[in-house]
Amino acid sequence: MPSENFRYHLVEGSLYMASFALLNSQVVIPALVQRLGGSNVAIGALPVIVYLCYFLPQLIAANYAQMEPFRRPWVLSAGIVQRSQVFLLAFAVALFGSEFPGLALVLFFLLYSVNQFVAGVAAPSWFDFVVKTTLPHQRGRLMGMRSSIGASLGLVNSLLLALFLTYLDFPWNYSAAFFLAFLYQISSWLVQRRVVEDQPSAIELPVPLSRLAARVRQILLSDARFRRFLLASAVSTVGLMPMGFFTVAALKRFALSESYVGFFTMTMLASQIVFAGLLGWLGDVKGHKATLMVCALAMVLASLLAVIGQHPGWFFAIFSLVGLIFGLELITRHNFAAECATDTTRPMYIGIMNAWLAPWFLSSLIGGWISDRFGYEIVFIVGAVFSLGGLLLLTGVADPRARLGSPSPA
């Protein structure tokens, strides 16, 4: 059964990730927000929505994830609710994008926030569902392969995106892209229904909210490795500040047409195809600390290239590095946290990590303010400094692979 589940998870994840070419928060979504009249601060709010709404509810969700012996029913129920927001988003952009762009922008932020919030509530159960239904030595390969195959499908989607943006009038171009993304995501949900979860998990009653903080404090005090990992992750998260500004900076700096949104997406996905499988293999063989360090170094280079780049060609190199990061950074971070934990504490570790990281994504709002006051170059310099800091801190974090499931002593 694990081999069949591996295939189902691979197909489901590939289809779901293929939709990211059409809903990409680093390229497509910032371009849409700008097209609807959004400011740099509004663009800076995108990572806040993507990650704050996704991460913040996860600690409480993880606390309740262990109430039921099976994860599959909740994962499927939340999945259909989350995906429906993409369909509504396509409808809202088509209906209001041209005549009432301000209303379309408000509806976009509302629906996008709900989409990310529901995904965040479901995330601890989903990740535990994947871990339960696959073998330990398969997980790095699974995440790398699904990212690589998803990027291959996404490369085709990016070609369609370029055609939509070139030949369809606004707002039908973006609406068509979002509707196609919905079709991919609903197809992934249908495949996910075939995954078999035949072994119940140990049931643990949720810690009362009044005691949840004490439980979190106990975990952090007893696991020095996890604490150091959280600090390094926070600094690296601030280093991701430039992500949402690469596209708009290139469009404005070189007066590029909107079709470049599709070309940048193609570049990012081509890079993801090349590097995701390689990094997944590296995570299985050398541990997920190694892949996190590669991602941090890539962000340093991308930010520095954005500072010195005086030709549009430089941004194709930048989006190649973004593709490397986007293909695996979030999942490999989850795998690292899971390996710090035991089977019973795994959802709580994931929830703690994500809730801790959520506020640090507010730095992107600061990035929007900085870009308005001082220009994009300062945002890129700040991002490079923090990414380098995160990389240096990661070097001092012990890899849990050597002592799988055994927290380090304080």
Protein backbone atom coordinates (compact mmCIF):
# COMPACT_ATOMS: atom_id res chain seq x y z
CA MET A 1 0.00 0.00 0.00
CA PRO A 2 2.81 2.56 0.68
CA SER A 3 3.94 2.19 -2.96
CA GLU A 4 0.41 2.87 -4.25
CA ASN A 5 0.04 5.80 -1.87
CA PHE A 6 3.39 7.15 -3.08
CA ARG A 7 2.06 7.20 -6.64
CA TYR A 8 -1.20 8.85 -5.61
CA HIS A 9 0.60 11.49 -3.55
CA LEU A 10 2.97 12.07 -6.46
CA VAL A 11 0.17 12.59 -9.01
CA GLU A 12 -1.94 14.66 -6.61
CA GLY A 13 0.94 16.89 -5.61
CA SER A 14 2.12 17.32 -9.19
CA LEU A 15 -1.32 18.45 -10.35
CA TYR A 16 -1.70 20.80 -7.41
CA MET A 17 1.74 22.33 -7.87
CA ALA A 18 1.14 22.71 -11.61
CA SER A 19 -1.54 25.27 -10.71
CA PHE A 20 1.11 27.48 -9.06
CA ALA A 21 2.32 28.61 -12.48
CA LEU A 22 -1.05 30.30 -12.87
CA LEU A 23 -1.39 31.52 -9.27
CA ASN A 24 2.23 32.29 -8.55
CA SER A 25 2.62 34.68 -5.61
CA GLN A 26 6.10 35.73 -6.74
CA VAL A 27 5.21 36.67 -10.35
CA VAL A 28 1.55 36.49 -11.39
CA ILE A 29 -0.23 37.79 -8.30
CA PRO A 30 1.97 40.92 -7.84
CA ALA A 31 1.39 41.78 -11.51
CA LEU A 32 -2.39 41.43 -11.05
CA VAL A 33 -2.41 43.58 -7.89
CA GLN A 34 -0.48 46.29 -9.73
CA ARG A 35 -2.90 46.02 -12.70
CA LEU A 36 -5.85 46.53 -10.34
CA GLY A 37 -4.24 49.70 -8.96
CA GLY A 38 -2.57 48.25 -5.88
CA SER A 39 0.37 50.13 -4.33
CA ASN A 40 3.77 48.78 -3.33
CA VAL A 41 2.42 48.33 0.19
CA ALA A 42 -0.43 46.24 -1.24
CA ILE A 43 2.14 44.15 -3.11
CA GLY A 44 4.12 43.86 0.11
CA ALA A 45 0.97 42.57 1.81
CA LEU A 46 0.89 39.52 -0.46
CA PRO A 47 3.47 37.47 1.47
CA VAL A 48 1.65 38.45 4.66
CA ILE A 49 -1.53 36.90 3.26
CA VAL A 50 0.23 33.91 1.77
CA TYR A 51 2.17 33.04 4.90
CA LEU A 52 0.51 34.80 7.85
CA CYS A 53 -2.93 33.40 7.01
CA TYR A 54 -1.35 30.05 6.20
CA PHE A 55 0.97 29.73 9.18
CA LEU A 56 -0.76 31.54 12.05
CA PRO A 57 -3.68 29.11 12.61
CA GLN A 58 -1.46 26.06 12.48
CA LEU A 59 -0.45 25.90 16.13
CA ILE A 60 -4.06 25.72 17.27
CA ALA A 61 -4.93 23.41 14.37
CA ALA A 62 -2.03 21.09 15.31
CA ASN A 63 -3.32 21.01 18.87
CA TYR A 64 -6.60 19.54 17.60
CA ALA A 65 -5.14 17.41 14.79
CA GLN A 66 -4.57 14.46 17.11
CA MET A 67 -8.17 14.19 18.33
CA GLU A 68 -9.15 11.76 15.57
CA PRO A 69 -7.35 8.55 14.60
CA PHE A 70 -7.51 9.33 10.86
CA ARG A 71 -6.39 12.48 9.03
CA ARG A 72 -7.92 11.77 5.61
CA PRO A 73 -11.54 12.99 6.20
CA TRP A 74 -10.45 16.41 7.44
CA VAL A 75 -7.84 16.81 4.70
CA LEU A 76 -10.42 16.11 1.99
CA SER A 77 -13.12 18.35 3.51
CA ALA A 78 -10.78 21.31 3.95
CA GLY A 79 -9.30 20.73 0.49
CA ILE A 80 -12.58 21.21 -1.35
CA VAL A 81 -13.35 24.40 0.60
CA GLN A 82 -9.91 25.83 -0.11
CA ARG A 83 -10.04 25.07 -3.83
CA SER A 84 -13.46 26.66 -4.23
CA GLN A 85 -11.90 30.05 -3.40
CA VAL A 86 -9.82 29.86 -6.58
CA PHE A 87 -12.97 29.45 -8.67
CA LEU A 88 -14.57 32.44 -6.91
CA LEU A 89 -11.41 34.44 -7.50
CA ALA A 90 -11.55 33.78 -11.25
CA PHE A 91 -15.20 34.87 -11.25
CA ALA A 92 -14.57 38.06 -9.24
CA VAL A 93 -11.69 39.21 -11.46
CA ALA A 94 -13.73 38.61 -14.63
CA LEU A 95 -16.82 40.38 -13.29
CA PHE A 96 -15.27 43.45 -11.67
CA GLY A 97 -11.66 43.74 -12.88
CA SER A 98 -12.36 46.14 -15.74
CA GLU A 99 -15.19 48.39 -14.53
CA PHE A 100 -14.59 48.26 -10.77
CA PRO A 101 -10.89 47.47 -10.21
CA GLY A 102 -10.96 48.73 -6.63
CA LEU A 103 -13.77 46.32 -5.74
CA ALA A 104 -11.97 43.53 -7.59
CA LEU A 105 -8.84 44.25 -5.54
CA VAL A 106 -10.78 44.06 -2.26
CA LEU A 107 -12.46 40.80 -3.31
CA PHE A 108 -9.12 39.41 -4.41
CA PHE A 109 -7.53 40.04 -1.01
CA LEU A 110 -10.58 38.61 0.80
CA LEU A 111 -10.80 35.40 -1.25
CA TYR A 112 -7.04 34.92 -1.31
CA SER A 113 -6.93 35.31 2.49
CA VAL A 114 -9.68 32.72 3.00
CA ASN A 115 -7.90 30.35 0.62
CA GLN A 116 -4.66 30.59 2.58
CA PHE A 117 -6.36 30.44 5.99
CA VAL A 118 -8.21 27.21 5.19
CA ALA A 119 -4.99 25.74 3.79
CA GLY A 120 -3.23 26.68 7.03
CA VAL A 121 -5.89 25.09 9.23
CA ALA A 122 -5.61 21.86 7.22
CA ALA A 123 -1.80 21.85 6.91
CA PRO A 124 -0.79 19.97 10.11
CA SER A 125 -3.27 17.19 9.35
CA TRP A 126 -2.25 17.12 5.68
CA PHE A 127 1.45 16.84 6.42
CA ASP A 128 0.85 14.14 9.02
CA PHE A 129 -1.39 12.38 6.47
CA VAL A 130 1.48 12.34 3.96
CA VAL A 131 3.98 11.16 6.57
CA LYS A 132 1.65 8.37 7.76
CA THR A 133 0.96 7.04 4.28
CA THR A 134 4.53 7.04 2.91
CA LEU A 135 7.80 5.45 4.01
CA PRO A 136 10.48 7.63 5.69
CA HIS A 137 13.09 7.08 2.99
CA GLN A 138 10.60 8.12 0.28
CA ARG A 139 9.58 11.55 1.55
CA GLY A 140 12.42 13.68 0.25
CA ARG A 141 12.13 11.96 -3.12
CA LEU A 142 8.35 12.39 -3.10
CA MET A 143 8.53 16.12 -2.39
CA GLY A 144 11.28 16.67 -4.93
CA MET A 145 9.58 14.62 -7.66
CA ARG A 146 6.15 16.20 -7.16
CA SER A 147 7.75 19.63 -7.32
CA SER A 148 9.74 18.73 -10.44
CA ILE A 149 6.81 17.10 -12.28
CA GLY A 150 4.48 19.89 -11.16
CA ALA A 151 6.94 22.40 -12.55
CA SER A 152 7.06 20.49 -15.84
CA LEU A 153 3.29 20.71 -16.13
CA GLY A 154 3.52 24.31 -14.93
CA LEU A 155 5.92 25.10 -17.74
CA VAL A 156 3.14 24.26 -20.19
CA ASN A 157 0.79 26.38 -18.10
CA SER A 158 3.23 29.28 -18.19
CA LEU A 159 3.14 29.14 -21.99
CA LEU A 160 -0.65 29.31 -21.80
CA LEU A 161 -0.32 32.17 -19.31
CA ALA A 162 1.89 34.10 -21.73
CA LEU A 163 -0.72 33.52 -24.46
CA PHE A 164 -3.56 34.62 -22.17
CA LEU A 165 -1.72 37.80 -21.18
CA THR A 166 -0.75 38.56 -24.79
CA TYR A 167 -3.96 37.82 -26.69
CA LEU A 168 -6.80 38.15 -24.17
CA ASP A 169 -7.99 41.51 -22.91
CA PHE A 170 -7.82 42.37 -19.23
CA PRO A 171 -9.40 41.05 -16.99
CA TRP A 172 -10.27 37.92 -19.00
CA ASN A 173 -6.59 37.01 -19.27
CA TYR A 174 -6.08 36.67 -15.52
CA SER A 175 -9.54 35.14 -15.02
CA ALA A 176 -8.81 32.43 -17.58
CA ALA A 177 -5.53 31.64 -15.82
CA PHE A 178 -7.24 31.33 -12.44
CA PHE A 179 -10.01 29.12 -13.81
CA LEU A 180 -7.44 26.77 -15.35
CA ALA A 181 -5.66 26.69 -11.97
CA PHE A 182 -8.95 25.65 -10.36
CA LEU A 183 -9.31 22.76 -12.81
CA TYR A 184 -5.84 21.51 -11.88
CA GLN A 185 -6.57 21.79 -8.17
CA ILE A 186 -9.92 20.02 -8.29
CA SER A 187 -8.28 17.23 -10.31
CA SER A 188 -5.63 16.88 -7.61
CA TRP A 189 -8.36 16.57 -4.96
CA LEU A 190 -10.00 13.72 -6.90
CA VAL A 191 -6.67 11.85 -6.95
CA GLN A 192 -6.10 12.56 -3.26
CA ARG A 193 -9.32 10.70 -2.46
CA ARG A 194 -7.64 7.48 -3.58
CA VAL A 195 -4.92 7.59 -0.91
CA VAL A 196 -5.51 4.87 1.70
CA GLU A 197 -4.91 5.62 5.37
CA ASP A 198 -5.32 2.18 6.96
CA GLN A 199 -3.45 2.69 10.22
CA PRO A 200 -5.04 4.83 12.95
CA SER A 201 -2.92 7.31 14.84
CA ALA A 202 -2.70 7.42 18.59
CA ILE A 203 -5.41 9.71 19.89
CA GLU A 204 -4.37 12.59 22.11
CA LEU A 205 -6.84 15.01 23.58
CA PRO A 206 -6.05 18.62 22.71
CA VAL A 207 -4.27 20.64 25.32
CA PRO A 208 -6.66 23.30 26.69
CA LEU A 209 -5.80 26.67 25.22
CA SER A 210 -4.91 27.91 28.67
CA ARG A 211 -2.18 25.23 28.83
CA LEU A 212 -1.12 25.33 25.19
CA ALA A 213 1.48 28.04 25.80
CA ALA A 214 3.00 25.94 28.59
CA ARG A 215 3.17 22.92 26.26
CA VAL A 216 4.94 25.00 23.61
CA ARG A 217 7.35 26.38 26.21
CA GLN A 218 8.12 22.86 27.43
CA ILE A 219 8.98 21.69 23.91
CA LEU A 220 11.20 24.70 23.23
CA LEU A 221 13.07 24.43 26.53
CA SER A 222 13.75 20.72 26.02
CA ASP A 223 14.95 20.91 22.40
CA ALA A 224 17.91 23.22 21.82
CA ARG A 225 18.31 22.11 18.21
CA PHE A 226 14.73 23.07 17.39
CA ARG A 227 15.18 26.47 19.05
CA ARG A 228 18.25 27.22 16.95
CA PHE A 229 16.43 26.05 13.84
CA LEU A 230 13.52 28.41 14.58
CA LEU A 231 15.88 31.38 15.00
CA ALA A 232 17.66 30.63 11.71
CA SER A 233 14.31 30.19 9.96
CA ALA A 234 13.03 33.54 11.23
CA VAL A 235 16.08 35.40 9.90
CA SER A 236 15.82 33.57 6.56
CA THR A 237 12.12 34.47 6.37
CA VAL A 238 12.94 38.17 6.59
CA GLY A 239 15.45 37.51 3.83
CA LEU A 240 12.58 36.47 1.55
CA MET A 241 11.34 40.09 1.62
CA PRO A 242 12.40 40.87 -1.99
CA MET A 243 10.41 37.95 -3.48
CA GLY A 244 7.24 39.90 -4.18
CA PHE A 245 9.12 42.85 -5.72
CA PHE A 246 11.29 41.16 -8.35
CA THR A 247 8.52 41.17 -10.97
CA VAL A 248 7.25 44.72 -10.47
CA ALA A 249 10.82 46.05 -10.26
CA ALA A 250 11.68 44.47 -13.62
CA LEU A 251 8.46 45.66 -15.28
CA LYS A 252 8.98 49.24 -14.10
CA ARG A 253 12.78 49.43 -14.41
CA PHE A 254 12.80 48.33 -18.05
CA ALA A 255 9.23 49.28 -19.12
CA LEU A 256 8.48 45.66 -20.02
CA SER A 257 5.17 44.44 -21.43
CA GLU A 258 2.86 42.24 -19.36
CA SER A 259 3.81 39.19 -21.43
CA TYR A 260 7.08 39.11 -19.48
CA VAL A 261 5.06 37.85 -16.50
CA GLY A 262 4.59 34.63 -18.45
CA PHE A 263 8.25 34.52 -19.53
CA PHE A 264 9.51 35.00 -15.96
CA THR A 265 7.13 32.25 -14.81
CA MET A 266 8.48 29.91 -17.49
CA THR A 267 12.03 30.60 -16.32
CA MET A 268 11.15 29.95 -12.69
CA LEU A 269 9.41 26.68 -13.52
CA ALA A 270 12.20 25.45 -15.79
CA SER A 271 14.60 25.98 -12.89
CA GLN A 272 12.23 24.16 -10.56
CA ILE A 273 12.18 21.17 -12.93
CA VAL A 274 15.97 20.96 -12.88
CA PHE A 275 16.60 21.54 -9.20
CA ALA A 276 13.58 20.13 -7.30
CA GLY A 277 14.39 16.47 -7.91
CA LEU A 278 18.08 17.09 -7.25
CA LEU A 279 17.40 18.88 -3.96
CA GLY A 280 14.90 16.19 -2.95
CA TRP A 281 17.61 13.58 -3.45
CA LEU A 282 20.08 15.74 -1.53
CA GLY A 283 17.61 15.97 1.37
CA ASP A 284 17.21 12.19 1.51
CA VAL A 285 20.95 11.53 1.34
CA LYS A 286 22.54 14.44 3.22
CA GLY A 287 19.63 15.69 5.32
CA HIS A 288 17.29 18.65 5.00
CA LYS A 289 19.73 21.07 6.63
CA ALA A 290 21.79 20.87 3.43
CA THR A 291 18.84 21.77 1.21
CA LEU A 292 17.85 24.66 3.46
CA MET A 293 21.37 26.05 3.19
CA VAL A 294 21.25 25.79 -0.61
CA CYS A 295 17.94 27.70 -0.63
CA ALA A 296 19.34 30.43 1.65
CA LEU A 297 22.39 30.87 -0.57
CA ALA A 298 20.16 31.09 -3.66
CA MET A 299 18.16 33.90 -2.04
CA VAL A 300 21.36 35.81 -1.26
CA LEU A 301 22.42 35.59 -4.91
CA ALA A 302 18.96 36.50 -6.27
CA SER A 303 18.79 39.64 -4.11
CA LEU A 304 22.30 40.76 -5.08
CA LEU A 305 21.62 40.20 -8.80
CA ALA A 306 18.47 42.35 -8.49
CA VAL A 307 20.63 45.18 -7.13
CA ILE A 308 23.23 45.10 -9.89
CA GLY A 309 21.04 43.94 -12.80
CA GLN A 310 20.85 46.68 -15.46
CA HIS A 311 19.33 44.56 -18.23
CA PRO A 312 16.13 42.42 -18.34
CA GLY A 313 18.31 39.36 -18.92
CA TRP A 314 19.56 39.55 -15.33
CA PHE A 315 16.02 38.89 -14.10
CA PHE A 316 15.86 35.58 -15.93
CA ALA A 317 18.82 34.51 -13.78
CA ILE A 318 17.02 35.85 -10.71
CA PHE A 319 13.88 33.87 -11.45
CA SER A 320 15.99 30.77 -12.02
CA LEU A 321 17.17 31.12 -8.43
CA VAL A 322 13.61 31.83 -7.26
CA GLY A 323 12.53 28.59 -8.96
CA LEU A 324 15.15 26.67 -6.99
CA ILE A 325 13.86 28.19 -3.73
CA PHE A 326 10.18 27.90 -4.55
CA GLY A 327 10.53 24.24 -5.54
CA LEU A 328 11.51 22.94 -2.12
CA GLU A 329 12.22 25.53 0.59
CA LEU A 330 8.89 25.29 2.42
CA ILE A 331 8.58 21.50 2.24
CA THR A 332 12.18 20.82 3.26
CA ARG A 333 11.68 23.12 6.24
CA HIS A 334 8.68 20.98 7.24
CA ASN A 335 10.73 17.81 6.84
CA PHE A 336 13.49 19.23 9.05
CA ALA A 337 10.97 20.07 11.80
CA ALA A 338 9.33 16.64 11.47
CA GLU A 339 12.70 14.95 11.97
CA CYS A 340 13.25 16.96 15.16
CA ALA A 341 10.02 15.50 16.57
CA THR A 342 8.69 12.10 17.58
CA ASP A 343 5.65 10.47 15.97
CA THR A 344 3.34 11.83 18.67
CA THR A 345 4.79 15.38 18.76
CA ARG A 346 5.16 15.84 14.99
CA PRO A 347 1.95 17.88 14.39
CA MET A 348 2.82 20.11 17.36
CA TYR A 349 6.36 20.73 16.07
CA ILE A 350 4.99 21.68 12.64
CA GLY A 351 2.40 23.95 14.24
CA ILE A 352 4.96 25.65 16.47
CA MET A 353 7.32 26.26 13.55
CA ASN A 354 4.64 27.73 11.31
CA ALA A 355 3.03 29.88 14.01
CA TRP A 356 6.49 31.21 14.94
CA LEU A 357 7.34 32.07 11.34
CA ALA A 358 4.03 33.78 10.55
CA PRO A 359 4.74 37.20 12.13
CA TRP A 360 8.14 37.42 10.43
CA PHE A 361 6.43 37.62 7.05
CA LEU A 362 5.15 41.05 8.11
CA SER A 363 8.59 42.20 7.02
CA SER A 364 7.27 42.24 3.45
CA LEU A 365 4.96 45.12 4.43
CA ILE A 366 8.04 46.96 5.64
CA GLY A 367 9.56 46.12 2.26
CA GLY A 368 6.66 47.85 0.54
CA TRP A 369 7.20 50.95 2.65
CA ILE A 370 10.96 50.89 2.00
CA SER A 371 10.42 50.57 -1.76
CA ASP A 372 8.07 53.57 -1.75
CA ARG A 373 10.50 55.71 0.22
CA PHE A 374 13.92 54.56 -0.99
CA GLY A 375 13.43 52.32 -4.03
CA TYR A 376 13.53 48.61 -4.75
CA GLU A 377 17.34 48.39 -4.53
CA ILE A 378 17.29 48.99 -0.75
CA VAL A 379 14.71 46.20 -0.35
CA PHE A 380 16.99 43.85 -2.26
CA ILE A 381 20.03 44.80 -0.17
CA VAL A 382 18.14 44.25 3.10
CA GLY A 383 16.93 40.88 1.82
CA ALA A 384 20.46 39.80 0.89
CA VAL A 385 21.78 40.71 4.36
CA PHE A 386 19.10 38.74 6.20
CA SER A 387 19.39 35.74 3.85
CA LEU A 388 23.11 35.64 4.51
CA GLY A 389 22.43 35.86 8.24
CA GLY A 390 19.99 32.95 8.03
CA LEU A 391 22.56 30.90 6.13
CA LEU A 392 25.23 31.53 8.76
CA LEU A 393 22.85 30.62 11.59
CA LEU A 394 21.88 27.39 9.83
CA THR A 395 25.51 26.25 9.89
CA GLY A 396 25.28 26.08 13.68
CA VAL A 397 22.11 23.93 13.77
CA ALA A 398 22.67 20.19 14.35
CA ASP A 399 21.08 17.99 11.68
CA PRO A 400 18.38 15.78 13.28
CA ARG A 401 19.05 13.06 10.68
CA ALA A 402 21.85 11.73 12.88
CA ARG A 403 19.46 11.27 15.81
CA LEU A 404 16.11 10.86 14.06
CA GLY A 405 13.21 11.53 16.36
CA SER A 406 15.39 12.29 19.38
CA PRO A 407 15.38 15.93 20.47
CA SER A 408 18.71 17.34 21.39
CA PRO A 409 19.42 18.14 25.01
CA ALA A 410 18.99 21.70 26.16
